[in-house]
Amino acid sequence: MAPLGGLTHRTSFSARGGVLRRNNVRRIWLRALAATGLGGVRFHDLRHTGNTLAATGGATTRELMHRMGQSSVRAALVCQHLVNGRDHQIADHVDGQIKRVKRPPHGPSGT
């Protein structure tokens, strides 16, 4: 089996330990959607959601590329773009770091 996203082994197994086939995955997925009322969610959406959550956890572009099995940064940047709402959190962190630094006494700066 060719590596997929850096993996060299299968990660999806049936309840009896067999490899899930595409038609079985779809049947199980549709049953799960019906049970949860999440119609319209595609199986592929899980991949995007997982990588967006990884980006919110601080995953770098390179780490996201590895997780997704991508050689291009485009997909990783899409996930990172979605977490740009962290600007306020980052700014607060930087502000806190600056406030912790002991300020030098007032006087000539030497410049």
N, C-alpha and C. Protein backbone atom coordinates (compact mmCIF):
# COMPACT_ATOMS: atom_id res chain seq x y z
N MET A 1 0.85 -1.18 0.00
CA MET A 1 0.00 0.00 0.00
C MET A 1 0.89 1.24 0.00
N ALA A 2 0.59 2.20 -0.86
CA ALA A 2 1.37 3.43 -0.94
C ALA A 2 1.10 4.31 0.28
N PRO A 3 2.10 5.01 0.76
CA PRO A 3 1.90 5.91 1.90
C PRO A 3 0.87 6.98 1.58
N LEU A 4 0.04 7.29 2.53
CA LEU A 4 -0.95 8.36 2.40
C LEU A 4 -0.79 9.28 3.58
N GLY A 5 -0.38 10.52 3.33
CA GLY A 5 -0.20 11.47 4.42
C GLY A 5 0.85 11.02 5.41
N GLY A 6 1.87 10.32 4.93
CA GLY A 6 2.92 9.87 5.82
C GLY A 6 2.62 8.54 6.50
N LEU A 7 1.40 8.02 6.31
CA LEU A 7 1.03 6.76 6.94
C LEU A 7 1.34 5.61 5.99
N THR A 8 1.84 4.53 6.54
CA THR A 8 2.11 3.37 5.71
C THR A 8 1.24 2.19 6.13
N HIS A 9 0.24 2.45 6.95
CA HIS A 9 -0.66 1.39 7.38
C HIS A 9 -2.10 1.90 7.32
N ARG A 10 -3.02 0.97 7.31
CA ARG A 10 -4.43 1.35 7.26
C ARG A 10 -4.88 1.82 8.65
N THR A 11 -5.77 2.79 8.65
CA THR A 11 -6.23 3.31 9.93
C THR A 11 -7.73 3.13 10.14
N SER A 12 -8.44 2.57 9.16
CA SER A 12 -9.88 2.37 9.27
C SER A 12 -10.21 0.89 9.21
N PHE A 13 -10.80 0.40 10.28
CA PHE A 13 -11.12 -1.02 10.36
C PHE A 13 -12.57 -1.20 10.73
N SER A 14 -13.14 -2.30 10.32
CA SER A 14 -14.52 -2.62 10.66
C SER A 14 -14.59 -3.10 12.10
N ALA A 15 -15.81 -3.31 12.58
CA ALA A 15 -16.00 -3.77 13.95
C ALA A 15 -15.34 -5.12 14.18
N ARG A 16 -15.20 -5.93 13.10
CA ARG A 16 -14.57 -7.25 13.22
C ARG A 16 -13.08 -7.21 12.89
N GLY A 17 -12.52 -6.03 12.67
CA GLY A 17 -11.10 -5.90 12.41
C GLY A 17 -10.71 -5.92 10.95
N GLY A 18 -11.67 -6.06 10.06
CA GLY A 18 -11.38 -6.05 8.63
C GLY A 18 -11.23 -4.62 8.11
N VAL A 19 -10.63 -4.52 6.94
CA VAL A 19 -10.44 -3.21 6.32
C VAL A 19 -11.78 -2.71 5.80
N LEU A 20 -12.10 -1.46 6.08
CA LEU A 20 -13.35 -0.88 5.57
C LEU A 20 -13.23 -0.62 4.08
N ARG A 21 -14.22 -1.01 3.35
CA ARG A 21 -14.29 -0.75 1.92
C ARG A 21 -15.08 0.54 1.71
N ARG A 22 -14.83 1.22 0.59
CA ARG A 22 -15.45 2.51 0.31
C ARG A 22 -16.98 2.46 0.45
N ASN A 23 -17.63 1.43 -0.12
CA ASN A 23 -19.09 1.38 -0.03
C ASN A 23 -19.57 1.15 1.40
N ASN A 24 -18.77 0.43 2.22
CA ASN A 24 -19.13 0.24 3.62
C ASN A 24 -18.96 1.54 4.41
N VAL A 25 -17.90 2.27 4.12
CA VAL A 25 -17.67 3.54 4.81
C VAL A 25 -18.84 4.48 4.55
N ARG A 26 -19.26 4.57 3.30
CA ARG A 26 -20.38 5.46 2.96
C ARG A 26 -21.65 5.04 3.68
N ARG A 27 -21.94 3.74 3.72
CA ARG A 27 -23.15 3.25 4.38
C ARG A 27 -23.10 3.58 5.87
N ILE A 28 -21.96 3.32 6.51
CA ILE A 28 -21.80 3.59 7.94
C ILE A 28 -21.87 5.09 8.20
N TRP A 29 -21.24 5.90 7.34
CA TRP A 29 -21.24 7.35 7.48
C TRP A 29 -22.67 7.89 7.40
N LEU A 30 -23.43 7.45 6.40
CA LEU A 30 -24.80 7.94 6.24
C LEU A 30 -25.67 7.53 7.43
N ARG A 31 -25.44 6.35 7.96
CA ARG A 31 -26.18 5.90 9.14
C ARG A 31 -25.84 6.79 10.35
N ALA A 32 -24.57 7.12 10.50
CA ALA A 32 -24.14 7.99 11.60
C ALA A 32 -24.74 9.39 11.46
N LEU A 33 -24.76 9.92 10.24
CA LEU A 33 -25.36 11.24 10.02
C LEU A 33 -26.84 11.24 10.37
N ALA A 34 -27.55 10.19 9.96
CA ALA A 34 -28.98 10.10 10.25
C ALA A 34 -29.22 10.02 11.76
N ALA A 35 -28.37 9.28 12.47
CA ALA A 35 -28.53 9.12 13.91
C ALA A 35 -28.25 10.41 14.67
N THR A 36 -27.39 11.25 14.14
CA THR A 36 -27.01 12.48 14.84
C THR A 36 -27.71 13.73 14.32
N GLY A 37 -28.40 13.58 13.19
CA GLY A 37 -29.07 14.75 12.61
C GLY A 37 -28.12 15.71 11.94
N LEU A 38 -26.98 15.22 11.52
CA LEU A 38 -25.97 16.08 10.88
C LEU A 38 -25.96 15.90 9.37
N GLY A 39 -27.11 15.82 8.77
CA GLY A 39 -27.17 15.66 7.32
C GLY A 39 -26.42 16.79 6.62
N GLY A 40 -25.79 16.48 5.51
CA GLY A 40 -25.06 17.49 4.75
C GLY A 40 -23.59 17.57 5.10
N VAL A 41 -23.15 16.87 6.14
CA VAL A 41 -21.74 16.86 6.49
C VAL A 41 -21.08 15.76 5.68
N ARG A 42 -20.03 16.12 4.96
CA ARG A 42 -19.31 15.13 4.15
C ARG A 42 -18.21 14.49 4.98
N PHE A 43 -17.89 13.25 4.66
CA PHE A 43 -16.82 12.55 5.37
C PHE A 43 -15.52 13.34 5.27
N HIS A 44 -15.27 13.93 4.11
CA HIS A 44 -14.05 14.71 3.89
C HIS A 44 -13.99 15.93 4.83
N ASP A 45 -15.15 16.43 5.27
CA ASP A 45 -15.19 17.56 6.19
C ASP A 45 -14.45 17.25 7.49
N LEU A 46 -14.41 15.97 7.86
CA LEU A 46 -13.69 15.59 9.09
C LEU A 46 -12.21 15.90 8.98
N ARG A 47 -11.65 15.68 7.80
CA ARG A 47 -10.24 15.96 7.56
C ARG A 47 -9.97 17.46 7.73
N HIS A 48 -10.81 18.27 7.12
CA HIS A 48 -10.63 19.72 7.21
C HIS A 48 -10.80 20.18 8.66
N THR A 49 -11.81 19.66 9.33
CA THR A 49 -12.05 20.04 10.73
C THR A 49 -10.86 19.65 11.60
N GLY A 50 -10.36 18.44 11.42
CA GLY A 50 -9.22 17.99 12.22
C GLY A 50 -7.99 18.86 12.02
N ASN A 51 -7.75 19.26 10.78
CA ASN A 51 -6.57 20.08 10.52
C ASN A 51 -6.77 21.52 10.97
N THR A 52 -8.00 22.02 10.91
CA THR A 52 -8.27 23.35 11.45
C THR A 52 -8.08 23.35 12.96
N LEU A 53 -8.53 22.29 13.62
CA LEU A 53 -8.31 22.20 15.07
C LEU A 53 -6.82 22.09 15.39
N ALA A 54 -6.07 21.38 14.55
CA ALA A 54 -4.62 21.30 14.75
C ALA A 54 -3.99 22.69 14.60
N ALA A 55 -4.49 23.47 13.64
CA ALA A 55 -3.97 24.83 13.44
C ALA A 55 -4.28 25.70 14.65
N THR A 56 -5.47 25.55 15.24
CA THR A 56 -5.79 26.35 16.44
C THR A 56 -4.93 25.92 17.61
N GLY A 57 -4.43 24.69 17.57
CA GLY A 57 -3.55 24.20 18.62
C GLY A 57 -2.11 24.64 18.41
N GLY A 58 -1.86 25.38 17.33
CA GLY A 58 -0.53 25.93 17.10
C GLY A 58 0.31 25.15 16.10
N ALA A 59 -0.30 24.20 15.38
CA ALA A 59 0.47 23.45 14.39
C ALA A 59 1.05 24.40 13.34
N THR A 60 2.28 24.17 12.98
CA THR A 60 2.93 25.00 11.97
C THR A 60 2.45 24.59 10.58
N THR A 61 2.78 25.41 9.60
CA THR A 61 2.42 25.08 8.21
C THR A 61 3.01 23.74 7.83
N ARG A 62 4.25 23.51 8.16
CA ARG A 62 4.92 22.24 7.83
C ARG A 62 4.23 21.07 8.52
N GLU A 63 3.84 21.24 9.78
CA GLU A 63 3.15 20.16 10.49
C GLU A 63 1.79 19.86 9.86
N LEU A 64 1.07 20.91 9.48
CA LEU A 64 -0.21 20.69 8.82
C LEU A 64 -0.03 20.00 7.48
N MET A 65 1.00 20.39 6.73
CA MET A 65 1.27 19.75 5.45
C MET A 65 1.53 18.25 5.65
N HIS A 66 2.28 17.92 6.68
CA HIS A 66 2.58 16.51 6.97
C HIS A 66 1.30 15.75 7.33
N ARG A 67 0.48 16.34 8.19
CA ARG A 67 -0.77 15.69 8.59
C ARG A 67 -1.68 15.44 7.40
N MET A 68 -1.69 16.37 6.44
CA MET A 68 -2.59 16.27 5.30
C MET A 68 -1.97 15.51 4.13
N GLY A 69 -0.68 15.21 4.22
CA GLY A 69 -0.02 14.54 3.12
C GLY A 69 0.12 15.45 1.91
N GLN A 70 0.30 16.74 2.16
CA GLN A 70 0.38 17.73 1.08
C GLN A 70 1.83 18.12 0.83
N SER A 71 2.15 18.35 -0.44
CA SER A 71 3.47 18.88 -0.77
C SER A 71 3.40 20.37 -1.04
N SER A 72 2.19 20.91 -1.14
CA SER A 72 1.98 22.33 -1.36
C SER A 72 1.47 22.96 -0.07
N VAL A 73 1.83 24.21 0.15
CA VAL A 73 1.39 24.89 1.38
C VAL A 73 -0.05 25.39 1.29
N ARG A 74 -0.66 25.37 0.12
CA ARG A 74 -1.97 25.96 -0.08
C ARG A 74 -3.01 25.44 0.93
N ALA A 75 -3.17 24.13 1.03
CA ALA A 75 -4.19 23.56 1.91
C ALA A 75 -3.90 23.90 3.37
N ALA A 76 -2.64 23.86 3.76
CA ALA A 76 -2.28 24.19 5.14
C ALA A 76 -2.60 25.64 5.45
N LEU A 77 -2.35 26.52 4.50
CA LEU A 77 -2.63 27.94 4.71
C LEU A 77 -4.12 28.20 4.84
N VAL A 78 -4.94 27.42 4.14
CA VAL A 78 -6.40 27.56 4.27
C VAL A 78 -6.79 27.29 5.72
N CYS A 79 -6.27 26.20 6.30
CA CYS A 79 -6.59 25.88 7.69
C CYS A 79 -6.08 26.96 8.63
N GLN A 80 -4.88 27.45 8.38
CA GLN A 80 -4.33 28.48 9.25
C GLN A 80 -5.09 29.80 9.10
N HIS A 81 -5.55 30.10 7.91
CA HIS A 81 -6.31 31.33 7.68
C HIS A 81 -7.58 31.33 8.52
N LEU A 82 -8.19 30.17 8.68
CA LEU A 82 -9.43 30.08 9.44
C LEU A 82 -9.24 30.40 10.91
N VAL A 83 -8.02 30.32 11.40
CA VAL A 83 -7.78 30.58 12.82
C VAL A 83 -7.18 31.97 13.04
N ASN A 84 -7.25 32.82 12.04
CA ASN A 84 -6.71 34.17 12.19
C ASN A 84 -7.45 34.97 13.25
N GLY A 85 -8.57 34.49 13.72
CA GLY A 85 -9.28 35.13 14.81
C GLY A 85 -8.45 35.13 16.08
N ARG A 86 -7.33 34.47 16.07
CA ARG A 86 -6.44 34.43 17.23
C ARG A 86 -5.64 35.71 17.38
N ASP A 87 -5.81 36.66 16.47
CA ASP A 87 -5.03 37.89 16.53
C ASP A 87 -5.11 38.57 17.89
N HIS A 88 -6.31 38.63 18.47
CA HIS A 88 -6.46 39.29 19.78
C HIS A 88 -5.73 38.48 20.86
N GLN A 89 -5.83 37.17 20.80
CA GLN A 89 -5.15 36.32 21.77
C GLN A 89 -3.64 36.50 21.66
N ILE A 90 -3.14 36.53 20.45
CA ILE A 90 -1.69 36.72 20.24
C ILE A 90 -1.26 38.10 20.73
N ALA A 91 -2.05 39.12 20.40
CA ALA A 91 -1.72 40.48 20.82
C ALA A 91 -1.72 40.59 22.34
N ASP A 92 -2.69 39.95 23.01
CA ASP A 92 -2.73 39.97 24.47
C ASP A 92 -1.50 39.28 25.05
N HIS A 93 -1.08 38.18 24.43
CA HIS A 93 0.11 37.48 24.91
C HIS A 93 1.36 38.36 24.78
N VAL A 94 1.51 38.99 23.62
CA VAL A 94 2.66 39.88 23.40
C VAL A 94 2.62 41.03 24.39
N ASP A 95 1.44 41.61 24.60
CA ASP A 95 1.30 42.71 25.56
C ASP A 95 1.71 42.27 26.96
N GLY A 96 1.28 41.06 27.34
CA GLY A 96 1.65 40.54 28.66
C GLY A 96 3.15 40.33 28.80
N GLN A 97 3.78 39.86 27.74
CA GLN A 97 5.24 39.66 27.77
C GLN A 97 5.95 41.00 27.94
N ILE A 98 5.48 42.00 27.24
CA ILE A 98 6.09 43.33 27.34
C ILE A 98 5.92 43.90 28.74
N LYS A 99 4.73 43.73 29.32
CA LYS A 99 4.47 44.27 30.66
C LYS A 99 5.31 43.59 31.72
N ARG A 100 5.72 42.36 31.49
CA ARG A 100 6.54 41.63 32.47
C ARG A 100 7.99 42.08 32.49
N VAL A 101 8.41 42.70 31.42
CA VAL A 101 9.80 43.16 31.34
C VAL A 101 9.95 44.36 32.28
N LYS A 102 11.00 44.32 33.10
CA LYS A 102 11.24 45.45 34.00
C LYS A 102 11.64 46.65 33.18
N ARG A 103 10.93 47.75 33.36
CA ARG A 103 11.23 48.94 32.60
C ARG A 103 12.47 49.63 33.15
N PRO A 104 13.33 50.10 32.24
CA PRO A 104 14.54 50.79 32.69
C PRO A 104 14.17 52.13 33.36
N PRO A 105 15.03 52.61 34.25
CA PRO A 105 14.74 53.92 34.90
C PRO A 105 14.70 55.01 33.85
N HIS A 106 13.91 56.03 34.14
CA HIS A 106 13.82 57.16 33.20
C HIS A 106 15.16 57.90 33.15
N GLY A 107 15.49 58.36 32.02
CA GLY A 107 16.74 59.10 31.85
C GLY A 107 17.13 59.04 30.39
N PRO A 108 18.31 59.52 30.07
CA PRO A 108 18.75 59.48 28.67
C PRO A 108 18.78 58.06 28.15
N SER A 109 18.31 57.89 26.93
CA SER A 109 18.26 56.57 26.34
C SER A 109 19.58 56.20 25.68
N GLY A 110 20.43 57.18 25.46
CA GLY A 110 21.70 56.90 24.82
C GLY A 110 21.62 56.90 23.32
N THR A 111 20.46 57.24 22.80
CA THR A 111 20.33 57.30 21.33
C THR A 111 20.15 58.72 20.87
